[in-house]
Amino acid sequence: MVNLIKGSDFDKELSSSKIPVIVDFSADWCGPCQLMAPLFEDLSTIYAGKLRFLKLDTDEAGEVAERFEISSIPCLILISRGKEVGRLLGFMPKALLIQKIDEILSKV
């Protein structure tokens, strides 16, 4: 399950997670972001219990996007214990996303 969050809740959501978090930085107007949305939802079921899935609108949470130096979207950032451990930029097919997420998680 993907949780939509507001910028004001971002730090609280990260600190309350006992497992690594993956955040989808996106925007409603972004075509590739719209293509990524159903894949991100599918991945949330595949990684249930291993990763917490959050979605953040960069237009509504510009301060968080700026803090993470988001310069293009979609951008998926994996965060473990409050620190960025991996970043995936742009739309990717599901199999490639799984491969890259598994590579990042293997190092956490």
Protein backbone atom coordinates (compact mmCIF):
# COMPACT_ATOMS: atom_id res chain seq x y z
CA MET A 1 0.00 0.00 0.00
CA VAL A 2 1.27 3.44 -0.96
CA ASN A 3 0.67 6.26 1.52
CA LEU A 4 0.26 9.78 0.15
CA ILE A 5 1.92 12.19 2.54
CA LYS A 6 2.26 15.94 2.92
CA GLY A 7 5.57 17.71 3.31
CA SER A 8 4.69 18.64 6.90
CA ASP A 9 4.36 14.92 7.75
CA PHE A 10 7.50 13.77 5.94
CA ASP A 11 9.97 13.64 8.84
CA LYS A 12 7.39 12.10 11.18
CA GLU A 13 6.61 9.38 8.61
CA LEU A 14 10.31 8.56 8.21
CA SER A 15 11.06 8.47 11.92
CA SER A 16 8.05 6.26 12.69
CA SER A 17 9.07 3.56 10.19
CA LYS A 18 10.80 0.48 11.55
CA ILE A 19 11.72 -0.65 8.01
CA PRO A 20 13.38 1.20 5.11
CA VAL A 21 11.20 3.67 3.22
CA ILE A 22 10.93 4.34 -0.50
CA VAL A 23 9.55 7.74 -1.46
CA ASP A 24 8.11 8.49 -4.89
CA PHE A 25 8.74 12.19 -5.56
CA SER A 26 6.29 13.08 -8.32
CA ALA A 27 3.73 15.60 -9.57
CA ASP A 28 0.25 15.34 -11.09
CA TRP A 29 1.29 17.08 -14.33
CA CYS A 30 4.22 14.69 -14.95
CA GLY A 31 3.47 12.05 -17.61
CA PRO A 32 6.25 9.62 -16.60
CA CYS A 33 5.09 9.99 -12.97
CA GLN A 34 1.61 8.90 -14.00
CA LEU A 35 3.12 5.84 -15.72
CA MET A 36 5.15 5.06 -12.60
CA ALA A 37 2.17 5.24 -10.21
CA PRO A 38 0.66 1.79 -10.93
CA LEU A 39 4.11 0.17 -10.89
CA PHE A 40 4.87 1.78 -7.53
CA GLU A 41 1.56 0.44 -6.20
CA ASP A 42 2.41 -3.07 -7.49
CA LEU A 43 5.85 -2.89 -5.89
CA SER A 44 4.26 -2.00 -2.56
CA THR A 45 2.59 -5.42 -2.48
CA ILE A 46 5.77 -7.22 -3.58
CA TYR A 47 7.84 -5.56 -0.85
CA ALA A 48 5.17 -5.59 1.87
CA GLY A 49 6.90 -5.85 5.24
CA LYS A 50 10.31 -5.06 3.73
CA LEU A 51 9.79 -1.48 2.50
CA ARG A 52 7.34 1.25 3.37
CA PHE A 53 6.00 3.09 0.31
CA LEU A 54 5.34 6.83 0.45
CA LYS A 55 4.33 9.23 -2.31
CA LEU A 56 5.06 12.94 -2.13
CA ASP A 57 3.86 15.64 -4.54
CA THR A 58 6.84 17.89 -5.24
CA ASP A 59 4.57 20.84 -6.05
CA GLU A 60 2.92 20.64 -2.63
CA ALA A 61 6.12 19.79 -0.73
CA GLY A 62 8.73 21.91 -2.45
CA GLU A 63 10.79 22.29 0.72
CA VAL A 64 11.24 18.51 1.00
CA ALA A 65 12.03 18.19 -2.71
CA GLU A 66 14.60 20.95 -2.34
CA ARG A 67 16.14 19.30 0.72
CA PHE A 68 16.66 16.11 -1.30
CA GLU A 69 17.85 18.07 -4.34
CA ILE A 70 15.15 16.67 -6.61
CA SER A 71 15.88 18.02 -10.08
CA SER A 72 13.80 15.61 -12.17
CA ILE A 73 10.80 13.42 -11.55
CA PRO A 74 9.79 10.72 -11.07
CA CYS A 75 12.49 10.15 -8.50
CA LEU A 76 12.40 7.24 -6.08
CA ILE A 77 14.57 7.60 -2.98
CA LEU A 78 15.24 4.76 -0.57
CA ILE A 79 15.82 5.88 3.00
CA SER A 80 17.03 3.73 5.86
CA ARG A 81 17.49 5.01 9.41
CA GLY A 82 16.92 8.56 8.20
CA LYS A 83 19.61 8.47 5.51
CA GLU A 84 19.34 8.19 1.75
CA VAL A 85 20.71 4.81 0.63
CA GLY A 86 19.66 4.85 -3.01
CA ARG A 87 18.05 6.92 -5.74
CA LEU A 88 16.28 5.84 -8.93
CA LEU A 89 15.56 8.49 -11.56
CA GLY A 90 12.96 8.40 -14.31
CA PHE A 91 10.46 5.83 -15.43
CA MET A 92 11.67 2.22 -15.55
CA PRO A 93 10.00 -1.08 -16.36
CA LYS A 94 8.88 -3.12 -13.37
CA ALA A 95 11.57 -5.81 -13.72
CA LEU A 96 14.34 -3.20 -13.76
CA LEU A 97 12.85 -1.41 -10.73
CA ILE A 98 12.79 -4.68 -8.80
CA GLN A 99 16.40 -5.42 -9.76
CA LYS A 100 17.61 -1.96 -8.70
CA ILE A 101 15.61 -1.94 -5.44
CA ASP A 102 16.95 -5.39 -4.56
CA GLU A 103 20.52 -4.18 -5.22
CA ILE A 104 20.02 -1.21 -2.91
CA LEU A 105 18.32 -3.28 -0.18
CA SER A 106 21.13 -5.84 -0.26
CA LYS A 107 23.51 -3.11 0.96
CA VAL A 108 21.26 -1.83 3.77
